[in-house]
Amino acid sequence: MLRVGDLQRSIAFYTQVLGMTLLRTRDNPDYKYSLAFLGYGSNPDHAELELTYNWGVNTYEMGTAYGHIALGVPDVHAACEKIRSAGGTITREPGPVKGGSTVIAFVADPDGYKIELIERH
């Protein structure tokens, strides 16, 4: 689960830039929050990402415990070009992981969360 400052902006990023599907949403007016579930398919066959918007909270501290989300892609270079052309921000260009040969890259979502792209054939 990621807490986001603007639910619609984050949904747009994960669907339009990363190609996920919005699976479902839910509002909870009593507790003043909204949820969006996204993924490349539904549970239990695929992992889902939960975005939480606490009404009226526009920013969060990242903290030191969060690292990043990792997504496997067939071609990191092609994924980065597609993300860049859709308006996404590449924070580490494609290349081998330090001390290895696996090709990776990093992207940042609109709230600054890092997403690692890992080339998987």
C-alpha atoms as a PDB file:
ATOM      1  CA  MET A   1       0.000   0.000   0.000  1.00  0.00           C
ATOM      2  CA  LEU A   2       1.215   3.485  -0.873  1.00  0.00           C
ATOM      3  CA  ARG A   3      -0.250   6.671   0.586  1.00  0.00           C
ATOM      4  CA  VAL A   4      -0.660   9.232  -2.181  1.00  0.00           C
ATOM      5  CA  GLY A   5      -1.358  12.972  -2.217  1.00  0.00           C
ATOM      6  CA  ASP A   6      -3.654  12.999  -5.269  1.00  0.00           C
ATOM      7  CA  LEU A   7      -5.472   9.757  -6.064  1.00  0.00           C
ATOM      8  CA  GLN A   8      -6.474  10.637  -9.635  1.00  0.00           C
ATOM      9  CA  ARG A   9      -2.924  11.792 -10.507  1.00  0.00           C
ATOM     10  CA  SER A  10      -1.514   8.524  -9.135  1.00  0.00           C
ATOM     11  CA  ILE A  11      -4.121   6.397 -10.925  1.00  0.00           C
ATOM     12  CA  ALA A  12      -3.212   8.187 -14.171  1.00  0.00           C
ATOM     13  CA  PHE A  13       0.490   7.473 -13.625  1.00  0.00           C
ATOM     14  CA  TYR A  14       0.084   3.776 -12.844  1.00  0.00           C
ATOM     15  CA  THR A  15      -2.413   3.187 -15.683  1.00  0.00           C
ATOM     16  CA  GLN A  16      -1.184   5.527 -18.433  1.00  0.00           C
ATOM     17  CA  VAL A  17       2.564   5.492 -17.743  1.00  0.00           C
ATOM     18  CA  LEU A  18       3.140   2.003 -16.284  1.00  0.00           C
ATOM     19  CA  GLY A  19       0.276   0.281 -18.106  1.00  0.00           C
ATOM     20  CA  MET A  20      -1.525  -1.141 -15.063  1.00  0.00           C
ATOM     21  CA  THR A  21      -5.287  -1.579 -14.966  1.00  0.00           C
ATOM     22  CA  LEU A  22      -7.499   0.108 -12.387  1.00  0.00           C
ATOM     23  CA  LEU A  23      -9.150  -2.943 -10.824  1.00  0.00           C
ATOM     24  CA  ARG A  24     -11.470  -1.282  -8.317  1.00  0.00           C
ATOM     25  CA  THR A  25     -11.929   1.743  -6.072  1.00  0.00           C
ATOM     26  CA  ARG A  26     -13.612   2.314  -2.751  1.00  0.00           C
ATOM     27  CA  ASP A  27     -14.462   5.442  -0.752  1.00  0.00           C
ATOM     28  CA  ASN A  28     -14.914   5.419   3.010  1.00  0.00           C
ATOM     29  CA  PRO A  29     -16.593   8.723   3.944  1.00  0.00           C
ATOM     30  CA  ASP A  30     -16.869   7.823   7.636  1.00  0.00           C
ATOM     31  CA  TYR A  31     -13.087   7.579   7.936  1.00  0.00           C
ATOM     32  CA  LYS A  32     -12.292  10.064   5.143  1.00  0.00           C
ATOM     33  CA  TYR A  33     -10.161   7.973   2.823  1.00  0.00           C
ATOM     34  CA  SER A  34     -10.324   6.505  -0.678  1.00  0.00           C
ATOM     35  CA  LEU A  35      -8.662   3.382  -2.046  1.00  0.00           C
ATOM     36  CA  ALA A  36      -7.659   2.338  -5.554  1.00  0.00           C
ATOM     37  CA  PHE A  37      -6.383  -1.121  -6.471  1.00  0.00           C
ATOM     38  CA  LEU A  38      -4.261  -1.492  -9.603  1.00  0.00           C
ATOM     39  CA  GLY A  39      -2.306  -4.236 -11.276  1.00  0.00           C
ATOM     40  CA  TYR A  40      -1.536  -6.175 -14.430  1.00  0.00           C
ATOM     41  CA  GLY A  41      -4.266  -8.647 -13.496  1.00  0.00           C
ATOM     42  CA  SER A  42      -6.347  -9.572 -10.463  1.00  0.00           C
ATOM     43  CA  ASN A  43      -5.482 -11.497  -7.316  1.00  0.00           C
ATOM     44  CA  PRO A  44      -4.645 -14.309  -6.779  1.00  0.00           C
ATOM     45  CA  ASP A  45      -2.910 -14.687 -10.157  1.00  0.00           C
ATOM     46  CA  HIS A  46      -1.262 -11.250 -10.035  1.00  0.00           C
ATOM     47  CA  ALA A  47      -0.120  -8.900  -7.323  1.00  0.00           C
ATOM     48  CA  GLU A  48      -2.182  -5.777  -6.729  1.00  0.00           C
ATOM     49  CA  LEU A  49      -0.988  -2.346  -5.676  1.00  0.00           C
ATOM     50  CA  GLU A  50      -3.208  -0.498  -3.205  1.00  0.00           C
ATOM     51  CA  LEU A  51      -3.162   3.312  -3.290  1.00  0.00           C
ATOM     52  CA  THR A  52      -4.637   5.119  -0.289  1.00  0.00           C
ATOM     53  CA  TYR A  53      -5.681   8.754  -0.326  1.00  0.00           C
ATOM     54  CA  ASN A  54      -6.433  10.181   3.128  1.00  0.00           C
ATOM     55  CA  TRP A  55      -8.732  13.096   2.379  1.00  0.00           C
ATOM     56  CA  GLY A  56      -7.019  16.444   2.800  1.00  0.00           C
ATOM     57  CA  VAL A  57      -3.472  15.037   3.080  1.00  0.00           C
ATOM     58  CA  ASN A  58      -1.472  16.079   0.022  1.00  0.00           C
ATOM     59  CA  THR A  59       2.086  15.032   0.930  1.00  0.00           C
ATOM     60  CA  TYR A  60       3.900  12.443   3.026  1.00  0.00           C
ATOM     61  CA  GLU A  61       7.416  11.976   4.331  1.00  0.00           C
ATOM     62  CA  MET A  62       9.072   9.061   2.540  1.00  0.00           C
ATOM     63  CA  GLY A  63      10.950   7.877   5.614  1.00  0.00           C
ATOM     64  CA  THR A  64      13.982   5.634   5.609  1.00  0.00           C
ATOM     65  CA  ALA A  65      12.262   2.228   5.641  1.00  0.00           C
ATOM     66  CA  TYR A  66      10.760   2.400   2.153  1.00  0.00           C
ATOM     67  CA  GLY A  67      13.035   1.215  -0.648  1.00  0.00           C
ATOM     68  CA  HIS A  68      11.141   0.671  -3.882  1.00  0.00           C
ATOM     69  CA  ILE A  69       8.631  -1.439  -5.771  1.00  0.00           C
ATOM     70  CA  ALA A  70      10.144  -3.791  -8.367  1.00  0.00           C
ATOM     71  CA  LEU A  71       8.469  -4.739 -11.651  1.00  0.00           C
ATOM     72  CA  GLY A  72       9.744  -7.338 -14.107  1.00  0.00           C
ATOM     73  CA  VAL A  73       9.672  -6.238 -17.751  1.00  0.00           C
ATOM     74  CA  PRO A  74      10.826  -8.040 -20.919  1.00  0.00           C
ATOM     75  CA  ASP A  75      12.911  -5.064 -22.186  1.00  0.00           C
ATOM     76  CA  VAL A  76      14.024  -2.318 -19.783  1.00  0.00           C
ATOM     77  CA  HIS A  77      15.181   0.028 -22.576  1.00  0.00           C
ATOM     78  CA  ALA A  78      11.818  -0.202 -24.381  1.00  0.00           C
ATOM     79  CA  ALA A  79       9.917   0.198 -21.094  1.00  0.00           C
ATOM     80  CA  CYS A  80      11.877   3.363 -20.270  1.00  0.00           C
ATOM     81  CA  GLU A  81      11.198   4.862 -23.694  1.00  0.00           C
ATOM     82  CA  LYS A  82       7.483   4.124 -23.348  1.00  0.00           C
ATOM     83  CA  ILE A  83       7.426   5.589 -19.817  1.00  0.00           C
ATOM     84  CA  ARG A  84       9.382   8.678 -20.913  1.00  0.00           C
ATOM     85  CA  SER A  85       7.076   9.263 -23.909  1.00  0.00           C
ATOM     86  CA  ALA A  86       4.053   9.010 -21.577  1.00  0.00           C
ATOM     87  CA  GLY A  87       5.495  11.749 -19.351  1.00  0.00           C
ATOM     88  CA  GLY A  88       7.122   9.548 -16.702  1.00  0.00           C
ATOM     89  CA  THR A  89      10.426  10.362 -15.019  1.00  0.00           C
ATOM     90  CA  ILE A  90      13.365   7.973 -15.354  1.00  0.00           C
ATOM     91  CA  THR A  91      15.631   8.482 -12.333  1.00  0.00           C
ATOM     92  CA  ARG A  92      18.230   5.865 -13.328  1.00  0.00           C
ATOM     93  CA  GLU A  93      18.771   5.064 -16.968  1.00  0.00           C
ATOM     94  CA  PRO A  94      18.870   1.397 -18.040  1.00  0.00           C
ATOM     95  CA  GLY A  95      22.071  -0.458 -17.325  1.00  0.00           C
ATOM     96  CA  PRO A  96      23.522  -3.362 -15.392  1.00  0.00           C
ATOM     97  CA  VAL A  97      22.945  -3.574 -11.661  1.00  0.00           C
ATOM     98  CA  LYS A  98      26.066  -2.756  -9.654  1.00  0.00           C
ATOM     99  CA  GLY A  99      28.155  -5.897  -9.318  1.00  0.00           C
ATOM    100  CA  GLY A 100      26.047  -7.887 -11.781  1.00  0.00           C
ATOM    101  CA  SER A 101      24.723  -8.147 -15.294  1.00  0.00           C
ATOM    102  CA  THR A 102      20.938  -7.864 -14.829  1.00  0.00           C
ATOM    103  CA  VAL A 103      19.654  -4.768 -16.638  1.00  0.00           C
ATOM    104  CA  ILE A 104      17.628  -2.432 -14.429  1.00  0.00           C
ATOM    105  CA  ALA A 105      16.320   1.140 -14.406  1.00  0.00           C
ATOM    106  CA  PHE A 106      14.402   3.285 -11.930  1.00  0.00           C
ATOM    107  CA  VAL A 107      11.289   5.415 -12.362  1.00  0.00           C
ATOM    108  CA  ALA A 108       9.640   7.824  -9.894  1.00  0.00           C
ATOM    109  CA  ASP A 109       5.873   8.103  -9.511  1.00  0.00           C
ATOM    110  CA  PRO A 110       4.192  11.502  -8.951  1.00  0.00           C
ATOM    111  CA  ASP A 111       4.606  11.204  -5.166  1.00  0.00           C
ATOM    112  CA  GLY A 112       8.310  10.351  -5.451  1.00  0.00           C
ATOM    113  CA  TYR A 113       8.028   6.603  -4.837  1.00  0.00           C
ATOM    114  CA  LYS A 114      10.776   4.703  -6.671  1.00  0.00           C
ATOM    115  CA  ILE A 115       9.937   1.819  -8.985  1.00  0.00           C
ATOM    116  CA  GLU A 116      12.673  -0.507 -10.208  1.00  0.00           C
ATOM    117  CA  LEU A 117      12.305  -2.070 -13.645  1.00  0.00           C
ATOM    118  CA  ILE A 118      14.113  -5.416 -13.882  1.00  0.00           C
ATOM    119  CA  GLU A 119      14.671  -7.031 -17.266  1.00  0.00           C
ATOM    120  CA  ARG A 120      13.199 -10.541 -17.294  1.00  0.00           C
ATOM    121  CA  HIS A 121      13.213 -12.558 -20.514  1.00  0.00           C
END
